[in-house]
Amino acid sequence: MEVGKIIKKYRLQKNLTQKELAQKSGVAEITIRKMETEDSNPKLETLEKIAISLDIPITFFFPDDWKDIIDSNISKDNKIDCFVEYLASLNIYLFESNETNFSYLEYQNKEIRLNKEKRESLKKETDDFLRFKVEQLFRDAESNKK
């Protein structure tokens, strides 16, 4: 289903006019009209405002297979690059050696050598921790709704 049809469907379910949705979301009425007629490709921030106003998840605007599309476009190398960039944002630097099977991890002017298994373990444990924290945020959000 196209974005415009989804917006219109949920807007009508909430018994809102385009003008009322515009006022509630802070998005111009003409923009909502153009989105509903598929004359406009909305920005993500616009979709977010509309999703909040309609009390629906923003993912309702994406195709059912959006996760598969994203996953298929992210290669294993890109995932590793993202991990390296994430570590760098924390002032932790991971360097790959092209000549050996080792990586070097630098933090606070100290360096250690990691074999492939330790590097993969660091990535997996980081992924697991982030998933845990995200799940915790969702649990907290659910308990706050009650």
C-alpha atoms as a PDB file:
ATOM      1  CA  MET A   1       0.000   0.000   0.000  1.00  0.00           C
ATOM      2  CA  GLU A   2       1.282   3.440  -0.877  1.00  0.00           C
ATOM      3  CA  VAL A   3       2.046   5.990   1.838  1.00  0.00           C
ATOM      4  CA  GLY A   4      -0.800   8.292   0.804  1.00  0.00           C
ATOM      5  CA  LYS A   5      -3.391   5.524   1.038  1.00  0.00           C
ATOM      6  CA  ILE A   6      -2.090   4.563   4.472  1.00  0.00           C
ATOM      7  CA  ILE A   7      -2.295   8.153   5.716  1.00  0.00           C
ATOM      8  CA  LYS A   8      -5.825   8.519   4.375  1.00  0.00           C
ATOM      9  CA  LYS A   9      -6.927   5.160   5.823  1.00  0.00           C
ATOM     10  CA  TYR A  10      -5.799   5.990   9.360  1.00  0.00           C
ATOM     11  CA  ARG A  11      -6.895   9.629   9.128  1.00  0.00           C
ATOM     12  CA  LEU A  12     -10.426   8.495   8.251  1.00  0.00           C
ATOM     13  CA  GLN A  13     -10.375   5.844  10.995  1.00  0.00           C
ATOM     14  CA  LYS A  14      -9.665   8.660  13.459  1.00  0.00           C
ATOM     15  CA  ASN A  15     -12.469  10.741  11.887  1.00  0.00           C
ATOM     16  CA  LEU A  16     -10.046  13.537  11.035  1.00  0.00           C
ATOM     17  CA  THR A  17     -10.207  15.896   8.095  1.00  0.00           C
ATOM     18  CA  GLN A  18      -7.010  16.786   6.268  1.00  0.00           C
ATOM     19  CA  LYS A  19      -7.166  20.174   7.966  1.00  0.00           C
ATOM     20  CA  GLU A  20      -7.496  18.607  11.438  1.00  0.00           C
ATOM     21  CA  LEU A  21      -4.588  16.252  10.780  1.00  0.00           C
ATOM     22  CA  ALA A  22      -2.542  19.209   9.571  1.00  0.00           C
ATOM     23  CA  GLN A  23      -3.265  21.126  12.772  1.00  0.00           C
ATOM     24  CA  LYS A  24      -2.575  18.102  14.962  1.00  0.00           C
ATOM     25  CA  SER A  25       0.689  17.181  13.214  1.00  0.00           C
ATOM     26  CA  GLY A  26       2.049  20.606  12.333  1.00  0.00           C
ATOM     27  CA  VAL A  27       2.296  19.522   8.692  1.00  0.00           C
ATOM     28  CA  ALA A  28       0.779  21.842   6.085  1.00  0.00           C
ATOM     29  CA  GLU A  29      -2.656  20.795   4.849  1.00  0.00           C
ATOM     30  CA  ILE A  30      -1.485  21.051   1.223  1.00  0.00           C
ATOM     31  CA  THR A  31       1.367  18.644   2.046  1.00  0.00           C
ATOM     32  CA  ILE A  32      -1.064  16.111   3.492  1.00  0.00           C
ATOM     33  CA  ARG A  33      -3.319  16.496   0.449  1.00  0.00           C
ATOM     34  CA  LYS A  34      -0.355  15.947  -1.906  1.00  0.00           C
ATOM     35  CA  MET A  35       0.811  12.910   0.064  1.00  0.00           C
ATOM     36  CA  GLU A  36      -2.651  11.344   0.016  1.00  0.00           C
ATOM     37  CA  THR A  37      -2.875  11.788  -3.761  1.00  0.00           C
ATOM     38  CA  GLU A  38       0.698  10.490  -4.184  1.00  0.00           C
ATOM     39  CA  ASP A  39       1.816  13.846  -5.620  1.00  0.00           C
ATOM     40  CA  SER A  40       4.549  14.170  -3.014  1.00  0.00           C
ATOM     41  CA  ASN A  41       7.247  11.982  -1.492  1.00  0.00           C
ATOM     42  CA  PRO A  42       7.302  12.919   2.183  1.00  0.00           C
ATOM     43  CA  LYS A  43      10.427  13.297   4.262  1.00  0.00           C
ATOM     44  CA  LEU A  44      10.946  10.901   7.141  1.00  0.00           C
ATOM     45  CA  GLU A  45      10.419  13.671   9.703  1.00  0.00           C
ATOM     46  CA  THR A  46       7.063  14.515   8.094  1.00  0.00           C
ATOM     47  CA  LEU A  47       5.994  10.870   8.278  1.00  0.00           C
ATOM     48  CA  GLU A  48       7.061  10.794  11.905  1.00  0.00           C
ATOM     49  CA  LYS A  49       4.850  13.790  12.764  1.00  0.00           C
ATOM     50  CA  ILE A  50       1.896  12.204  10.977  1.00  0.00           C
ATOM     51  CA  ALA A  51       2.469   8.800  12.592  1.00  0.00           C
ATOM     52  CA  ILE A  52       2.532  10.399  16.043  1.00  0.00           C
ATOM     53  CA  SER A  53      -0.639  12.363  15.282  1.00  0.00           C
ATOM     54  CA  LEU A  54      -2.421   9.235  14.047  1.00  0.00           C
ATOM     55  CA  ASP A  55      -1.022   7.156  16.934  1.00  0.00           C
ATOM     56  CA  ILE A  56       0.493   4.546  14.631  1.00  0.00           C
ATOM     57  CA  PRO A  57       4.061   3.234  14.311  1.00  0.00           C
ATOM     58  CA  ILE A  58       6.072   4.953  11.596  1.00  0.00           C
ATOM     59  CA  THR A  59       6.857   1.514  10.149  1.00  0.00           C
ATOM     60  CA  PHE A  60       3.223   1.314   8.958  1.00  0.00           C
ATOM     61  CA  PHE A  61       4.331   3.557   6.078  1.00  0.00           C
ATOM     62  CA  PHE A  62       6.998   1.115   4.881  1.00  0.00           C
ATOM     63  CA  PRO A  63       6.452  -1.980   2.727  1.00  0.00           C
ATOM     64  CA  ASP A  64       6.039  -5.269   4.594  1.00  0.00           C
ATOM     65  CA  ASP A  65       9.465  -6.418   3.443  1.00  0.00           C
ATOM     66  CA  TRP A  66      11.306  -3.183   4.366  1.00  0.00           C
ATOM     67  CA  LYS A  67      13.563  -4.992   6.842  1.00  0.00           C
ATOM     68  CA  ASP A  68      14.544  -7.557   4.195  1.00  0.00           C
ATOM     69  CA  ILE A  69      15.271  -4.765   1.709  1.00  0.00           C
ATOM     70  CA  ILE A  70      17.550  -2.998   4.190  1.00  0.00           C
ATOM     71  CA  ASP A  71      19.292  -6.229   5.230  1.00  0.00           C
ATOM     72  CA  SER A  72      19.896  -7.246   1.621  1.00  0.00           C
ATOM     73  CA  ASN A  73      21.529  -3.880   0.927  1.00  0.00           C
ATOM     74  CA  ILE A  74      23.890  -4.082   3.892  1.00  0.00           C
ATOM     75  CA  SER A  75      26.771  -6.405   3.210  1.00  0.00           C
ATOM     76  CA  LYS A  76      28.781  -8.063   5.959  1.00  0.00           C
ATOM     77  CA  ASP A  77      31.643  -5.656   5.192  1.00  0.00           C
ATOM     78  CA  ASN A  78      29.322  -2.671   5.617  1.00  0.00           C
ATOM     79  CA  LYS A  79      28.095  -4.037   8.953  1.00  0.00           C
ATOM     80  CA  ILE A  80      31.703  -4.332  10.126  1.00  0.00           C
ATOM     81  CA  ASP A  81      32.438  -0.800   8.872  1.00  0.00           C
ATOM     82  CA  CYS A  82      29.440   0.477  10.849  1.00  0.00           C
ATOM     83  CA  PHE A  83      30.717  -1.316  13.948  1.00  0.00           C
ATOM     84  CA  VAL A  84      34.174   0.224  13.508  1.00  0.00           C
ATOM     85  CA  GLU A  85      32.589   3.679  13.055  1.00  0.00           C
ATOM     86  CA  TYR A  86      30.435   3.178  16.141  1.00  0.00           C
ATOM     87  CA  LEU A  87      33.488   2.258  18.217  1.00  0.00           C
ATOM     88  CA  ALA A  88      35.339   5.297  16.854  1.00  0.00           C
ATOM     89  CA  SER A  89      32.475   7.517  18.038  1.00  0.00           C
ATOM     90  CA  LEU A  90      33.361   6.268  21.535  1.00  0.00           C
ATOM     91  CA  ASN A  91      37.081   6.967  20.981  1.00  0.00           C
ATOM     92  CA  ILE A  92      37.734   3.247  20.645  1.00  0.00           C
ATOM     93  CA  TYR A  93      39.622   2.369  17.493  1.00  0.00           C
ATOM     94  CA  LEU A  94      39.665  -1.003  15.784  1.00  0.00           C
ATOM     95  CA  PHE A  95      42.260  -1.522  13.061  1.00  0.00           C
ATOM     96  CA  GLU A  96      42.315  -4.507  10.750  1.00  0.00           C
ATOM     97  CA  SER A  97      45.650  -5.915   9.707  1.00  0.00           C
ATOM     98  CA  ASN A  98      45.790  -6.904   6.050  1.00  0.00           C
ATOM     99  CA  GLU A  99      48.823  -9.103   6.600  1.00  0.00           C
ATOM    100  CA  THR A 100      47.653 -11.125   9.606  1.00  0.00           C
ATOM    101  CA  ASN A 101      44.407 -12.445  11.001  1.00  0.00           C
ATOM    102  CA  PHE A 102      44.627  -9.985  13.856  1.00  0.00           C
ATOM    103  CA  SER A 103      42.969  -6.695  14.664  1.00  0.00           C
ATOM    104  CA  TYR A 104      44.255  -4.002  16.960  1.00  0.00           C
ATOM    105  CA  LEU A 105      42.032  -2.286  19.473  1.00  0.00           C
ATOM    106  CA  GLU A 106      43.176   1.080  20.779  1.00  0.00           C
ATOM    107  CA  TYR A 107      41.605   2.842  23.743  1.00  0.00           C
ATOM    108  CA  GLN A 108      43.012   5.587  25.985  1.00  0.00           C
ATOM    109  CA  ASN A 109      46.469   5.310  24.388  1.00  0.00           C
ATOM    110  CA  LYS A 110      46.614   1.572  25.049  1.00  0.00           C
ATOM    111  CA  GLU A 111      46.553  -1.087  22.386  1.00  0.00           C
ATOM    112  CA  ILE A 112      45.780  -4.788  22.387  1.00  0.00           C
ATOM    113  CA  ARG A 113      45.827  -7.378  19.661  1.00  0.00           C
ATOM    114  CA  LEU A 114      42.654  -9.342  18.976  1.00  0.00           C
ATOM    115  CA  ASN A 115      42.340 -12.535  17.009  1.00  0.00           C
ATOM    116  CA  LYS A 116      39.322 -13.017  14.757  1.00  0.00           C
ATOM    117  CA  GLU A 117      37.343 -14.884  17.424  1.00  0.00           C
ATOM    118  CA  LYS A 118      37.811 -12.135  20.022  1.00  0.00           C
ATOM    119  CA  ARG A 119      36.901  -9.445  17.505  1.00  0.00           C
ATOM    120  CA  GLU A 120      33.731 -11.324  16.532  1.00  0.00           C
ATOM    121  CA  SER A 121      32.932 -11.873  20.212  1.00  0.00           C
ATOM    122  CA  LEU A 122      33.281  -8.135  20.893  1.00  0.00           C
ATOM    123  CA  LYS A 123      30.906  -7.357  18.026  1.00  0.00           C
ATOM    124  CA  LYS A 124      28.363  -9.999  19.081  1.00  0.00           C
ATOM    125  CA  GLU A 125      28.389  -8.909  22.721  1.00  0.00           C
ATOM    126  CA  THR A 126      28.005  -5.265  21.674  1.00  0.00           C
ATOM    127  CA  ASP A 127      25.080  -6.208  19.402  1.00  0.00           C
ATOM    128  CA  ASP A 128      23.478  -8.254  22.197  1.00  0.00           C
ATOM    129  CA  PHE A 129      23.836  -5.411  24.693  1.00  0.00           C
ATOM    130  CA  LEU A 130      22.303  -2.869  22.298  1.00  0.00           C
ATOM    131  CA  ARG A 131      19.370  -5.204  21.600  1.00  0.00           C
ATOM    132  CA  PHE A 132      18.904  -5.676  25.359  1.00  0.00           C
ATOM    133  CA  LYS A 133      18.842  -1.900  25.928  1.00  0.00           C
ATOM    134  CA  VAL A 134      16.392  -1.344  23.059  1.00  0.00           C
ATOM    135  CA  GLU A 135      14.105  -4.087  24.415  1.00  0.00           C
ATOM    136  CA  GLN A 136      14.332  -2.449  27.836  1.00  0.00           C
ATOM    137  CA  LEU A 137      13.276   0.895  26.324  1.00  0.00           C
ATOM    138  CA  PHE A 138      10.268  -0.766  24.700  1.00  0.00           C
ATOM    139  CA  ARG A 139       9.296  -2.493  27.968  1.00  0.00           C
ATOM    140  CA  ASP A 140       9.586   0.824  29.823  1.00  0.00           C
ATOM    141  CA  ALA A 141       7.484   2.575  27.181  1.00  0.00           C
ATOM    142  CA  GLU A 142       4.803  -0.126  27.442  1.00  0.00           C
ATOM    143  CA  SER A 143       4.685   0.091  31.245  1.00  0.00           C
ATOM    144  CA  ASN A 144       4.393   3.905  31.018  1.00  0.00           C
ATOM    145  CA  LYS A 145       1.294   3.529  28.808  1.00  0.00           C
ATOM    146  CA  LYS A 146      -0.529   1.646  31.578  1.00  0.00           C
END
